[in-house]
N, C-alpha and C. Protein backbone atom coordinates (compact mmCIF):
# COMPACT_ATOMS: atom_id res chain seq x y z
N MET A 1 9.44 -52.23 -2.42
CA MET A 1 8.49 -51.79 -0.69
C MET A 1 9.07 -53.42 0.46
N THR A 2 9.33 -53.20 1.55
CA THR A 2 9.12 -54.42 1.82
C THR A 2 8.30 -55.06 2.06
N LYS A 3 8.16 -56.06 2.29
CA LYS A 3 7.60 -57.50 2.53
C LYS A 3 6.88 -57.47 3.64
N LEU A 4 5.90 -56.97 4.44
CA LEU A 4 5.42 -58.00 6.18
C LEU A 4 5.67 -59.34 6.76
N LYS A 5 5.49 -60.10 7.56
CA LYS A 5 5.33 -60.92 7.49
C LYS A 5 4.21 -61.08 7.83
N HIS A 6 3.21 -60.67 8.44
CA HIS A 6 2.10 -60.13 8.22
C HIS A 6 1.09 -59.02 7.81
N GLU A 7 0.55 -58.92 7.08
CA GLU A 7 -0.04 -57.76 6.65
C GLU A 7 0.03 -56.96 7.91
N ILE A 8 -0.58 -55.39 7.14
CA ILE A 8 -0.15 -54.21 8.77
C ILE A 8 -1.94 -53.84 9.66
N ASP A 9 -2.00 -54.75 10.98
CA ASP A 9 -3.33 -54.79 11.01
C ASP A 9 -3.14 -54.11 12.30
N ILE A 10 -4.48 -53.29 11.68
CA ILE A 10 -4.73 -52.09 13.12
C ILE A 10 -4.76 -52.54 14.33
N ASP A 11 -5.92 -53.05 13.95
CA ASP A 11 -6.83 -54.11 15.23
C ASP A 11 -5.95 -54.20 16.02
N LYS A 12 -4.95 -55.14 15.79
CA LYS A 12 -4.42 -56.49 16.31
C LYS A 12 -3.22 -55.78 16.68
N ILE A 13 -2.50 -54.71 16.07
CA ILE A 13 -1.74 -53.35 16.42
C ILE A 13 -2.11 -53.30 18.39
N VAL A 14 -3.22 -52.52 17.54
CA VAL A 14 -3.30 -51.74 19.28
C VAL A 14 -4.31 -52.48 20.30
N GLU A 15 -4.32 -53.43 19.65
CA GLU A 15 -4.94 -54.72 21.27
C GLU A 15 -3.76 -55.17 21.65
N LEU A 16 -2.60 -55.11 20.76
CA LEU A 16 -0.99 -55.63 22.10
C LEU A 16 -0.72 -54.48 22.00
N LEU A 17 -0.42 -53.79 21.84
CA LEU A 17 -0.40 -52.17 22.32
C LEU A 17 -1.03 -52.14 24.05
N LYS A 18 -2.59 -52.57 23.89
CA LYS A 18 -2.95 -52.19 25.08
C LYS A 18 -2.77 -53.72 26.42
N GLN A 19 -2.35 -54.76 26.35
CA GLN A 19 -2.63 -55.86 26.39
C GLN A 19 -0.93 -55.68 27.18
N ALA A 20 0.08 -54.96 26.56
CA ALA A 20 1.57 -55.15 26.89
C ALA A 20 1.68 -53.26 28.52
N ASP A 21 0.19 -52.65 28.49
CA ASP A 21 0.40 -52.35 29.25
C ASP A 21 1.67 -52.10 29.71
N GLN A 22 2.14 -50.74 29.29
CA GLN A 22 3.54 -50.24 29.27
C GLN A 22 3.24 -49.10 30.10
N PRO A 23 4.74 -49.30 31.51
CA PRO A 23 4.52 -48.34 32.17
C PRO A 23 4.07 -46.28 31.42
N ARG A 24 3.40 -45.46 31.84
CA ARG A 24 3.14 -44.28 32.09
C ARG A 24 4.01 -43.12 32.17
N SER A 25 4.33 -42.12 31.56
CA SER A 25 4.92 -41.03 32.60
C SER A 25 4.23 -40.86 33.69
N ASP A 26 4.82 -40.10 34.13
CA ASP A 26 3.44 -39.23 35.40
C ASP A 26 3.19 -38.32 34.86
N PHE A 27 3.37 -37.56 33.91
CA PHE A 27 2.49 -36.43 32.58
C PHE A 27 1.90 -36.39 32.10
N VAL A 28 1.45 -37.71 31.03
CA VAL A 28 0.65 -38.82 30.55
C VAL A 28 -0.54 -38.64 30.91
N HIS A 29 -0.40 -39.22 32.22
CA HIS A 29 -0.79 -39.74 33.60
C HIS A 29 -2.19 -38.95 33.89
N LEU A 30 -1.19 -37.43 34.55
CA LEU A 30 -1.89 -36.47 34.34
C LEU A 30 -3.00 -36.37 33.67
N MET A 31 -2.54 -36.28 31.88
CA MET A 31 -3.07 -35.45 31.14
C MET A 31 -4.17 -36.50 31.38
N ASP A 32 -4.53 -37.18 30.98
CA ASP A 32 -5.33 -38.32 30.99
C ASP A 32 -5.99 -37.91 32.64
N THR A 33 -5.91 -37.26 33.27
CA THR A 33 -7.38 -37.49 34.42
C THR A 33 -7.96 -36.12 34.21
N PHE A 34 -7.63 -35.13 33.32
CA PHE A 34 -7.79 -34.14 33.23
C PHE A 34 -9.64 -33.39 33.03
N ASN A 35 -9.69 -34.09 31.83
CA ASN A 35 -10.87 -34.13 31.39
C ASN A 35 -11.32 -32.75 31.60
N ASP A 36 -11.07 -31.73 31.27
CA ASP A 36 -11.25 -30.56 31.26
C ASP A 36 -10.55 -29.76 30.02
N PRO A 37 -11.30 -28.63 28.85
CA PRO A 37 -10.23 -28.37 27.79
C PRO A 37 -9.46 -27.71 28.43
N TYR A 38 -9.42 -26.80 29.30
CA TYR A 38 -8.98 -25.92 29.43
C TYR A 38 -7.51 -25.93 30.02
N LEU A 39 -7.34 -27.42 31.40
CA LEU A 39 -6.41 -27.79 32.01
C LEU A 39 -5.53 -29.46 31.08
N VAL A 40 -5.79 -29.32 29.72
CA VAL A 40 -5.15 -30.15 28.80
C VAL A 40 -4.85 -28.86 27.81
N LEU A 41 -5.76 -27.62 27.92
CA LEU A 41 -4.45 -27.15 26.77
C LEU A 41 -4.04 -26.16 27.64
N ILE A 42 -3.84 -25.33 28.85
CA ILE A 42 -2.33 -24.79 29.28
C ILE A 42 -0.90 -26.01 29.61
N ALA A 43 -1.98 -27.67 29.84
CA ALA A 43 -0.80 -28.44 30.38
C ALA A 43 -0.08 -28.99 29.00
N CYS A 44 -0.49 -29.03 27.89
CA CYS A 44 0.26 -29.17 26.25
C CYS A 44 0.90 -28.40 26.40
N ILE A 45 0.33 -26.20 26.54
CA ILE A 45 1.66 -25.49 26.28
C ILE A 45 2.50 -26.00 27.04
N LEU A 46 2.82 -26.35 28.23
CA LEU A 46 3.80 -26.11 29.02
C LEU A 46 4.48 -27.57 28.09
N SER A 47 4.06 -27.89 27.89
CA SER A 47 4.99 -29.71 27.11
C SER A 47 5.78 -29.32 26.13
N LEU A 48 5.39 -28.73 25.55
CA LEU A 48 6.16 -28.81 24.31
C LEU A 48 7.64 -28.45 23.78
N ARG A 49 8.01 -29.49 23.18
CA ARG A 49 9.87 -29.49 23.15
C ARG A 49 10.13 -28.80 24.68
N THR A 50 9.74 -30.05 25.38
CA THR A 50 9.87 -30.24 26.56
C THR A 50 10.04 -31.16 27.28
N ASN A 51 10.72 -32.41 28.11
CA ASN A 51 10.57 -33.64 28.17
C ASN A 51 9.00 -34.14 29.97
N ASP A 52 8.57 -35.18 29.87
CA ASP A 52 8.17 -35.14 30.33
C ASP A 52 9.04 -35.46 32.26
N LYS A 53 9.30 -35.94 32.54
CA LYS A 53 9.92 -35.46 33.21
C LYS A 53 9.41 -33.76 33.93
N THR A 54 10.76 -33.38 33.06
CA THR A 54 10.35 -31.78 33.39
C THR A 54 9.25 -30.88 33.53
N THR A 55 8.28 -31.61 32.97
CA THR A 55 6.86 -31.52 32.21
C THR A 55 6.23 -31.61 33.76
N TYR A 56 6.22 -32.88 33.81
CA TYR A 56 5.30 -32.84 35.08
C TYR A 56 5.21 -32.32 36.77
N PRO A 57 5.68 -31.74 36.98
CA PRO A 57 5.87 -31.74 38.23
C PRO A 57 5.87 -29.73 38.21
N ALA A 58 6.26 -29.16 37.09
CA ALA A 58 6.38 -27.55 36.54
C ALA A 58 4.50 -27.40 36.41
N THR A 59 3.65 -28.57 35.85
CA THR A 59 2.18 -28.52 35.82
C THR A 59 1.62 -28.46 37.37
N LEU A 60 2.16 -29.50 37.88
CA LEU A 60 1.40 -29.14 39.39
C LEU A 60 2.07 -27.52 40.05
N ARG A 61 3.28 -27.57 39.68
CA ARG A 61 3.82 -26.18 40.42
C ARG A 61 2.46 -25.32 39.80
N MET A 62 2.76 -25.13 38.30
CA MET A 62 1.44 -24.24 37.85
C MET A 62 0.28 -24.07 38.25
N LEU A 63 -0.34 -26.43 38.50
CA LEU A 63 -1.94 -25.82 38.86
C LEU A 63 -1.85 -25.53 40.95
N GLU A 64 -0.40 -25.00 41.26
CA GLU A 64 -1.39 -24.38 42.87
C GLU A 64 -1.29 -23.24 42.20
N LEU A 65 -1.79 -22.10 41.33
CA LEU A 65 -1.58 -20.49 41.30
C LEU A 65 -2.83 -21.16 40.26
N GLY A 66 -3.61 -21.51 39.48
CA GLY A 66 -5.16 -21.49 39.34
C GLY A 66 -5.50 -22.61 38.75
N ARG A 67 -6.69 -23.18 37.98
CA ARG A 67 -7.42 -23.96 37.06
C ARG A 67 -8.34 -23.09 36.17
N THR A 68 -8.47 -22.31 36.20
CA THR A 68 -9.43 -21.50 36.00
C THR A 68 -8.91 -20.34 34.93
N PRO A 69 -9.41 -20.32 33.63
CA PRO A 69 -9.11 -18.70 32.28
C PRO A 69 -8.97 -17.46 33.83
N GLU A 70 -9.81 -17.15 34.25
CA GLU A 70 -10.27 -16.36 35.24
C GLU A 70 -9.27 -16.06 35.86
N GLU A 71 -8.63 -17.18 37.34
CA GLU A 71 -7.49 -16.81 37.34
C GLU A 71 -6.10 -16.87 37.15
N PHE A 72 -6.09 -17.38 35.90
CA PHE A 72 -4.93 -17.20 35.39
C PHE A 72 -4.84 -15.95 34.31
N ALA A 73 -5.41 -15.45 34.02
CA ALA A 73 -6.32 -14.08 33.21
C ALA A 73 -5.39 -12.48 34.76
N LYS A 74 -5.71 -13.72 35.69
CA LYS A 74 -5.58 -12.44 37.09
C LYS A 74 -3.93 -12.79 37.51
N CYS A 75 -2.99 -14.13 36.87
CA CYS A 75 -1.76 -14.38 37.69
C CYS A 75 -0.75 -13.55 36.93
N ASP A 76 -0.31 -13.44 37.48
CA ASP A 76 1.07 -12.33 37.46
C ASP A 76 2.48 -13.04 36.39
N VAL A 77 2.62 -12.37 35.65
CA VAL A 77 3.25 -13.29 34.63
C VAL A 77 4.93 -13.80 35.47
N LYS A 78 5.27 -13.15 36.03
CA LYS A 78 6.40 -13.59 36.37
C LYS A 78 6.70 -14.44 37.62
N THR A 79 5.67 -14.34 38.48
CA THR A 79 5.03 -15.89 39.30
C THR A 79 5.06 -17.09 38.84
N LEU A 80 3.93 -16.72 37.01
CA LEU A 80 3.89 -18.35 36.72
C LEU A 80 5.73 -18.59 36.21
N GLU A 81 5.94 -17.73 35.39
CA GLU A 81 6.93 -17.95 35.21
C GLU A 81 8.29 -19.32 36.09
N LYS A 82 8.29 -18.49 37.06
CA LYS A 82 8.88 -19.13 38.76
C LYS A 82 8.42 -20.77 38.53
N ALA A 83 6.86 -20.59 38.60
CA ALA A 83 6.37 -21.84 39.09
C ALA A 83 6.12 -22.87 37.43
N ILE A 84 6.58 -22.51 36.02
CA ILE A 84 6.91 -23.26 35.61
C ILE A 84 7.75 -23.22 35.01
N TYR A 85 9.19 -22.81 35.84
CA TYR A 85 10.72 -22.78 35.46
C TYR A 85 11.14 -24.39 35.50
N PRO A 86 11.59 -25.22 35.22
CA PRO A 86 12.79 -25.09 34.13
C PRO A 86 12.37 -25.96 33.12
N VAL A 87 10.74 -26.06 32.08
CA VAL A 87 10.41 -26.01 31.51
C VAL A 87 10.90 -25.40 29.68
N GLY A 88 10.81 -25.69 28.24
CA GLY A 88 11.90 -25.46 27.81
C GLY A 88 11.02 -23.95 27.07
N PHE A 89 11.84 -22.88 27.18
CA PHE A 89 10.98 -21.63 26.85
C PHE A 89 9.55 -20.97 28.43
N TYR A 90 10.22 -21.07 28.95
CA TYR A 90 9.33 -21.21 30.19
C TYR A 90 8.59 -19.46 30.28
N ALA A 91 9.63 -18.48 30.06
CA ALA A 91 8.76 -17.41 29.55
C ALA A 91 7.92 -16.84 28.78
N ASN A 92 8.05 -17.06 27.58
CA ASN A 92 7.21 -17.90 26.37
C ASN A 92 5.96 -18.01 26.77
N LYS A 93 6.01 -19.57 27.73
CA LYS A 93 4.63 -19.79 27.90
C LYS A 93 4.43 -19.25 29.19
N ALA A 94 4.49 -18.98 29.83
CA ALA A 94 3.97 -17.82 31.35
C ALA A 94 3.81 -16.76 30.58
N ARG A 95 3.44 -16.01 29.36
CA ARG A 95 2.42 -14.83 28.81
C ARG A 95 2.25 -15.23 28.57
N GLN A 96 2.26 -16.56 27.09
CA GLN A 96 1.23 -17.34 26.46
C GLN A 96 -0.34 -17.32 27.18
N ILE A 97 0.61 -18.32 28.21
CA ILE A 97 -0.69 -18.51 29.50
C ILE A 97 -1.54 -17.47 29.79
N VAL A 98 -1.02 -16.83 29.85
CA VAL A 98 -1.94 -15.74 30.46
C VAL A 98 -2.70 -14.90 29.93
N GLU A 99 -1.66 -14.27 28.32
CA GLU A 99 -2.39 -13.76 27.57
C GLU A 99 -4.09 -14.10 26.86
N LEU A 100 -3.47 -16.25 26.48
CA LEU A 100 -4.95 -16.30 25.71
C LEU A 100 -6.17 -17.04 27.42
N SER A 101 -5.29 -16.79 28.10
CA SER A 101 -6.76 -17.40 29.48
C SER A 101 -6.87 -15.95 29.51
N LYS A 102 -7.23 -14.33 28.72
CA LYS A 102 -7.46 -13.36 29.37
C LYS A 102 -8.21 -13.81 27.72
N GLU A 103 -7.60 -13.69 26.76
CA GLU A 103 -8.81 -13.96 25.42
C GLU A 103 -9.74 -14.45 25.78
N LEU A 104 -9.55 -16.04 26.87
CA LEU A 104 -10.76 -16.84 26.49
C LEU A 104 -11.96 -16.02 27.90
N VAL A 105 -11.65 -15.50 28.69
CA VAL A 105 -12.55 -14.48 29.26
C VAL A 105 -13.01 -13.66 28.32
N GLU A 106 -11.71 -12.96 28.00
CA GLU A 106 -13.01 -11.80 27.24
C GLU A 106 -13.52 -11.90 26.11
N LYS A 107 -13.43 -12.82 25.47
CA LYS A 107 -13.69 -13.19 23.88
C LYS A 107 -14.77 -14.55 23.91
N TYR A 108 -14.00 -15.55 24.56
CA TYR A 108 -14.96 -16.53 24.32
C TYR A 108 -15.78 -17.13 26.06
N ASN A 109 -16.67 -16.46 27.12
CA ASN A 109 -16.93 -16.33 28.05
C ASN A 109 -16.34 -17.70 29.30
N SER A 110 -14.79 -17.10 28.83
CA SER A 110 -14.11 -18.51 30.09
C SER A 110 -14.27 -19.55 29.64
N LYS A 111 -14.54 -20.31 28.01
CA LYS A 111 -14.76 -21.09 27.26
C LYS A 111 -13.75 -21.42 26.48
N VAL A 112 -13.29 -22.30 26.93
CA VAL A 112 -12.46 -23.35 25.34
C VAL A 112 -12.71 -23.34 24.13
N PRO A 113 -12.93 -23.06 23.34
CA PRO A 113 -13.60 -23.23 21.66
C PRO A 113 -13.38 -24.74 21.65
N LYS A 114 -14.66 -25.38 20.75
CA LYS A 114 -14.26 -26.58 20.73
C LYS A 114 -14.42 -26.72 19.40
N SER A 115 -12.96 -26.13 18.50
CA SER A 115 -13.38 -26.25 17.06
C SER A 115 -11.03 -26.30 17.03
N ILE A 116 -10.89 -26.59 16.25
CA ILE A 116 -9.05 -26.98 15.93
C ILE A 116 -8.66 -25.58 15.74
N GLU A 117 -9.47 -25.51 14.49
CA GLU A 117 -10.15 -24.45 13.45
C GLU A 117 -9.85 -22.88 13.91
N GLU A 118 -11.00 -22.38 15.38
CA GLU A 118 -10.25 -21.68 16.68
C GLU A 118 -9.68 -21.55 17.01
N MET A 119 -9.19 -22.66 17.46
CA MET A 119 -8.05 -23.26 19.36
C MET A 119 -6.87 -22.59 18.12
N THR A 120 -6.56 -23.11 17.32
CA THR A 120 -5.24 -22.37 16.32
C THR A 120 -4.99 -20.95 15.64
N LYS A 121 -5.85 -20.26 16.22
CA LYS A 121 -5.88 -18.70 15.73
C LYS A 121 -5.45 -18.58 17.25
N PHE A 122 -5.03 -19.42 18.78
CA PHE A 122 -4.85 -18.26 19.93
C PHE A 122 -2.77 -18.80 19.48
N ASN A 123 -1.96 -17.79 20.16
CA ASN A 123 -0.71 -17.12 20.09
C ASN A 123 -0.08 -18.56 20.03
N GLY A 124 0.69 -19.25 19.69
CA GLY A 124 1.04 -20.69 20.07
C GLY A 124 0.13 -22.04 19.82
N VAL A 125 -0.12 -22.13 19.41
CA VAL A 125 -1.12 -23.31 19.77
C VAL A 125 -1.71 -23.79 18.57
N GLY A 126 -0.85 -24.68 18.13
CA GLY A 126 -1.07 -25.58 16.54
C GLY A 126 -1.80 -27.17 16.58
N ARG A 127 -1.58 -27.09 16.00
CA ARG A 127 -2.84 -28.15 15.86
C ARG A 127 -3.13 -29.55 16.83
N LYS A 128 -1.24 -29.97 16.68
CA LYS A 128 -1.23 -31.02 17.85
C LYS A 128 -1.73 -30.83 19.75
N THR A 129 -1.23 -29.18 19.73
CA THR A 129 -2.72 -29.34 20.91
C THR A 129 -3.57 -28.97 20.39
N ALA A 130 -4.60 -28.05 19.40
CA ALA A 130 -5.89 -28.59 20.23
C ALA A 130 -6.41 -29.83 19.73
N ASN A 131 -5.78 -31.08 18.87
CA ASN A 131 -6.21 -31.99 18.58
C ASN A 131 -6.09 -33.01 19.52
N LEU A 132 -4.91 -32.52 21.11
CA LEU A 132 -5.59 -33.42 22.00
C LEU A 132 -6.43 -33.01 22.58
N VAL A 133 -6.41 -31.23 22.66
CA VAL A 133 -7.67 -30.60 23.83
C VAL A 133 -9.33 -31.50 23.05
N MET A 134 -9.28 -31.39 22.24
CA MET A 134 -10.30 -32.07 21.25
C MET A 134 -11.20 -33.46 22.09
N SER A 135 -9.09 -34.63 21.72
CA SER A 135 -9.44 -35.85 22.53
C SER A 135 -9.68 -36.01 23.84
N ARG A 136 -8.43 -34.40 24.56
CA ARG A 136 -8.86 -35.29 25.45
C ARG A 136 -9.59 -34.42 27.46
N GLY A 137 -9.81 -33.68 26.05
CA GLY A 137 -10.81 -32.11 27.01
C GLY A 137 -11.75 -32.29 26.77
N PHE A 138 -12.50 -32.44 24.98
CA PHE A 138 -14.09 -32.45 25.11
C PHE A 138 -14.44 -34.04 24.82
N ASN A 139 -12.87 -34.80 24.79
CA ASN A 139 -13.59 -36.50 23.82
C ASN A 139 -14.18 -36.56 22.85
N GLU A 140 -13.49 -35.56 22.23
CA GLU A 140 -13.77 -36.05 20.69
C GLU A 140 -13.06 -36.76 19.58
N PRO A 141 -13.68 -37.62 19.00
CA PRO A 141 -12.39 -37.75 18.04
C PRO A 141 -11.42 -36.68 17.33
N ALA A 142 -10.15 -37.24 17.28
CA ALA A 142 -9.15 -36.08 17.03
C ALA A 142 -7.73 -36.97 16.65
N ILE A 143 -6.87 -36.93 15.66
CA ILE A 143 -5.94 -37.20 16.59
C ILE A 143 -4.00 -36.75 16.72
N CYS A 144 -4.37 -36.80 17.83
CA CYS A 144 -3.04 -35.89 17.89
C CYS A 144 -1.82 -36.26 17.46
N VAL A 145 -0.72 -35.59 16.87
CA VAL A 145 0.08 -37.09 16.89
C VAL A 145 1.61 -35.25 16.97
N ASP A 146 1.58 -36.01 17.45
CA ASP A 146 3.36 -36.07 17.95
C ASP A 146 4.50 -36.73 17.27
N VAL A 147 6.23 -36.48 18.24
CA VAL A 147 7.56 -37.39 17.36
C VAL A 147 7.08 -38.90 17.51
N HIS A 148 6.03 -39.56 18.30
CA HIS A 148 5.95 -40.51 18.57
C HIS A 148 4.93 -40.93 17.33
N VAL A 149 4.00 -40.52 17.59
CA VAL A 149 3.24 -40.66 16.94
C VAL A 149 3.19 -40.29 15.19
N HIS A 150 3.63 -39.79 14.35
CA HIS A 150 4.84 -39.55 13.79
C HIS A 150 5.80 -40.68 13.07
N ARG A 151 6.70 -40.88 13.93
CA ARG A 151 8.00 -42.01 14.08
C ARG A 151 6.93 -43.30 13.92
N ILE A 152 6.50 -43.85 14.87
CA ILE A 152 5.91 -45.43 15.29
C ILE A 152 5.16 -45.80 13.71
N PHE A 153 3.97 -44.72 13.73
CA PHE A 153 3.28 -44.71 12.15
C PHE A 153 3.76 -45.18 10.87
N ASN A 154 5.58 -44.55 10.86
CA ASN A 154 6.25 -44.36 9.84
C ASN A 154 7.50 -45.36 9.96
N ARG A 155 7.31 -46.00 10.73
CA ARG A 155 8.44 -47.43 11.64
C ARG A 155 7.05 -48.35 10.76
N LEU A 156 6.08 -48.59 11.22
CA LEU A 156 5.58 -49.99 11.37
C LEU A 156 5.36 -49.56 9.23
N GLY A 157 5.36 -48.99 8.95
CA GLY A 157 4.90 -48.78 7.52
C GLY A 157 3.18 -48.65 7.41
N TYR A 158 2.72 -48.76 8.46
CA TYR A 158 1.81 -47.75 7.58
C TYR A 158 0.52 -46.30 6.74
N ILE A 159 2.44 -45.86 7.21
CA ILE A 159 1.62 -44.39 6.61
C ILE A 159 3.20 -44.10 5.37
N LYS A 160 3.63 -43.19 4.54
CA LYS A 160 4.51 -42.80 5.13
C LYS A 160 4.20 -41.39 4.37
N THR A 161 5.18 -40.50 5.67
CA THR A 161 5.46 -38.78 5.60
C THR A 161 6.32 -38.16 6.44
N GLN A 162 6.14 -36.90 5.93
CA GLN A 162 7.92 -36.51 5.99
C GLN A 162 7.40 -36.10 7.39
N ASN A 163 6.19 -35.40 7.77
CA ASN A 163 5.82 -34.59 9.22
C ASN A 163 4.85 -35.09 9.75
N PRO A 164 4.82 -34.37 10.99
CA PRO A 164 3.69 -34.48 11.91
C PRO A 164 2.45 -34.25 11.08
N GLU A 165 2.06 -33.07 10.05
CA GLU A 165 1.05 -32.47 10.10
C GLU A 165 0.58 -33.80 8.94
N GLU A 166 1.91 -33.62 8.12
CA GLU A 166 0.93 -34.56 6.68
C GLU A 166 0.45 -36.27 7.34
N THR A 167 1.30 -36.18 8.54
CA THR A 167 0.96 -37.78 8.93
C THR A 167 -0.54 -37.93 9.56
N GLU A 168 -1.57 -36.97 10.42
CA GLU A 168 -2.20 -36.56 10.87
C GLU A 168 -3.64 -36.60 9.98
N PHE A 169 -2.84 -36.05 8.87
CA PHE A 169 -4.21 -36.11 8.13
C PHE A 169 -4.23 -37.94 7.06
N ALA A 170 -2.44 -38.49 6.99
CA ALA A 170 -2.67 -39.05 6.37
C ALA A 170 -3.50 -39.80 7.26
N LEU A 171 -3.43 -40.49 8.52
CA LEU A 171 -4.44 -40.58 9.55
C LEU A 171 -5.75 -41.05 9.16
N ARG A 172 -5.54 -39.31 9.60
CA ARG A 172 -7.74 -38.88 9.34
C ARG A 172 -7.99 -39.94 8.09
N LYS A 173 -7.03 -40.16 7.12
CA LYS A 173 -8.20 -41.23 6.23
C LYS A 173 -8.18 -42.44 6.23
N LYS A 174 -7.14 -42.93 6.94
CA LYS A 174 -6.66 -44.31 7.26
C LYS A 174 -7.18 -45.07 8.42
N LEU A 175 -6.88 -44.05 9.26
CA LEU A 175 -7.31 -45.05 10.84
C LEU A 175 -8.33 -44.94 11.65
N PRO A 176 -9.28 -46.12 11.84
CA PRO A 176 -10.39 -46.57 12.16
C PRO A 176 -10.74 -45.24 13.83
N VAL A 177 -12.10 -44.60 12.99
CA VAL A 177 -11.76 -43.40 13.84
C VAL A 177 -11.97 -44.25 15.13
N LYS A 178 -12.85 -45.18 16.07
CA LYS A 178 -12.36 -45.98 16.96
C LYS A 178 -11.46 -46.02 17.87
N TYR A 179 -9.69 -45.68 16.75
CA TYR A 179 -9.00 -45.48 18.03
C TYR A 179 -8.68 -43.88 17.96
N TRP A 180 -8.66 -43.11 17.48
CA TRP A 180 -8.97 -41.69 17.15
C TRP A 180 -8.38 -41.04 18.58
N ILE A 181 -9.22 -41.34 19.41
CA ILE A 181 -8.76 -40.51 20.79
C ILE A 181 -8.17 -41.23 21.65
N ASP A 182 -8.06 -42.55 21.14
CA ASP A 182 -6.66 -43.27 22.35
C ASP A 182 -4.99 -43.18 21.73
N ILE A 183 -5.35 -42.86 20.45
CA ILE A 183 -3.95 -43.37 19.52
C ILE A 183 -2.47 -42.46 20.31
N ASN A 184 -2.87 -41.61 20.44
CA ASN A 184 -1.73 -40.60 21.36
C ASN A 184 -1.14 -41.09 22.30
N THR A 185 -2.28 -41.42 23.68
CA THR A 185 -1.54 -42.39 24.58
C THR A 185 -0.63 -43.60 24.55
N LEU A 186 -1.54 -43.83 23.68
CA LEU A 186 -0.90 -45.82 23.62
C LEU A 186 0.85 -45.26 22.93
N LEU A 187 1.04 -44.70 22.11
CA LEU A 187 2.12 -44.13 20.96
C LEU A 187 2.73 -43.61 21.71
N VAL A 188 2.69 -43.06 22.61
CA VAL A 188 3.69 -42.29 23.20
C VAL A 188 3.96 -42.74 23.77
N THR A 189 2.98 -43.82 25.04
CA THR A 189 3.09 -44.58 26.04
C THR A 189 4.93 -45.57 25.06
N HIS A 190 4.30 -46.73 24.10
CA HIS A 190 5.25 -47.40 23.49
C HIS A 190 6.56 -46.17 22.98
N GLY A 191 6.36 -45.59 22.40
CA GLY A 191 7.92 -44.39 21.75
C GLY A 191 8.09 -44.66 23.28
N GLN A 192 8.37 -43.71 24.21
CA GLN A 192 8.88 -43.75 25.49
C GLN A 192 9.54 -44.98 25.84
N ASN A 193 8.65 -46.31 25.55
CA ASN A 193 9.25 -46.95 26.52
C ASN A 193 10.00 -48.10 25.64
N VAL A 194 9.80 -48.58 24.38
CA VAL A 194 10.34 -49.33 23.62
C VAL A 194 10.67 -48.71 22.34
N CYS A 195 10.18 -48.27 21.41
CA CYS A 195 10.21 -47.70 19.67
C CYS A 195 10.72 -45.73 19.91
N LYS A 196 11.97 -45.88 20.07
CA LYS A 196 12.73 -44.75 20.52
C LYS A 196 13.65 -44.23 19.57
N PRO A 197 13.63 -43.22 19.86
CA PRO A 197 13.84 -42.38 17.69
C PRO A 197 15.40 -43.15 17.96
N ILE A 198 15.97 -42.99 18.70
CA ILE A 198 17.85 -44.27 19.26
C ILE A 198 18.08 -45.34 19.24
N ASN A 199 17.90 -46.27 18.33
CA ASN A 199 18.13 -48.15 19.86
C ASN A 199 16.94 -48.62 20.45
N PRO A 200 15.68 -48.13 19.08
CA PRO A 200 14.60 -49.02 20.11
C PRO A 200 14.56 -50.22 20.57
N LYS A 201 13.93 -50.76 21.11
CA LYS A 201 14.36 -52.21 22.15
C LYS A 201 13.16 -53.10 20.99
N CYS A 202 13.67 -52.91 19.66
CA CYS A 202 13.24 -54.19 18.25
C CYS A 202 12.66 -55.75 20.06
N ASP A 203 13.49 -56.05 20.60
CA ASP A 203 13.45 -57.10 20.59
C ASP A 203 11.83 -57.61 21.10
N ILE A 204 11.77 -56.63 22.27
CA ILE A 204 11.19 -56.96 23.48
C ILE A 204 9.88 -55.81 22.71
N CYS A 205 9.42 -55.68 21.36
CA CYS A 205 8.21 -55.15 20.98
C CYS A 205 7.23 -56.30 20.63
N PRO A 206 5.47 -55.48 21.30
CA PRO A 206 5.17 -56.25 21.49
C PRO A 206 4.78 -56.30 20.40
N ILE A 207 4.77 -55.12 18.81
CA ILE A 207 4.51 -55.38 17.68
C ILE A 207 4.97 -55.49 16.82
N LYS A 208 6.18 -56.27 17.58
CA LYS A 208 7.43 -56.99 16.16
C LYS A 208 6.96 -57.50 14.71
N ASP A 209 6.59 -58.03 14.87
CA ASP A 209 5.80 -58.72 13.70
C ASP A 209 4.76 -57.85 12.71
N TYR A 210 4.64 -57.33 13.38
CA TYR A 210 4.21 -55.63 12.48
C TYR A 210 4.73 -54.67 11.18
N CYS A 211 6.23 -54.79 12.08
CA CYS A 211 6.70 -53.49 11.98
C CYS A 211 7.25 -53.80 10.88
N ALA A 212 7.59 -53.09 9.91
CA ALA A 212 7.87 -52.62 7.97
C ALA A 212 10.26 -52.52 8.93
N LYS A 213 9.76 -51.68 9.39
CA LYS A 213 11.54 -51.66 10.10
C LYS A 213 12.25 -52.25 10.36
N ILE A 214 12.10 -53.66 10.78
CA ILE A 214 12.76 -55.28 11.48
C ILE A 214 12.30 -56.47 10.85
N ILE A 215 12.11 -55.72 9.48
CA ILE A 215 11.43 -56.99 8.63
C ILE A 215 12.20 -57.14 7.30
């Protein structure tokens, strides 16, 4: 097993990432301003398998059509398709958002259920999306694990997992609850700027002394 220069101090790692104040993408910043479970949900649906540079303007165009389940339940799918193009699988996502909105109106009194288990019953909503809605929409402790969170925690040697779902449950056991809400934004930002999938910028990494990958 790789010997670290320092023990993995998650408190110090979080502190250093916050101090680094790396630039956030426009989409990440937008998501952090919503504070609305529904808006977080439909924006996250757009972001799946699409980069932030494409998702951000598509989200703004989508929000010109509405901001509530009632509005999108009545939205023409083709109109929504045109607004969100060219996000990945835009036709499927447009149909999914309209159908999900109708279901919220008809079965949930137009309210996103405050439950990961309930949210994942919706077509196309997985644990990553549900956790993000819990943390960013409801301000409840939840660990949203995307490719950045999965990659960076494994590179650090903090956990050893094979996929994002395994990472979520491993972090639920190990990561202090006080970091659950913020960890996604911190690591997504770090992953986009420094700890990239290919050719990570280890020389300028603020937490390199805690990383198993380069020691």
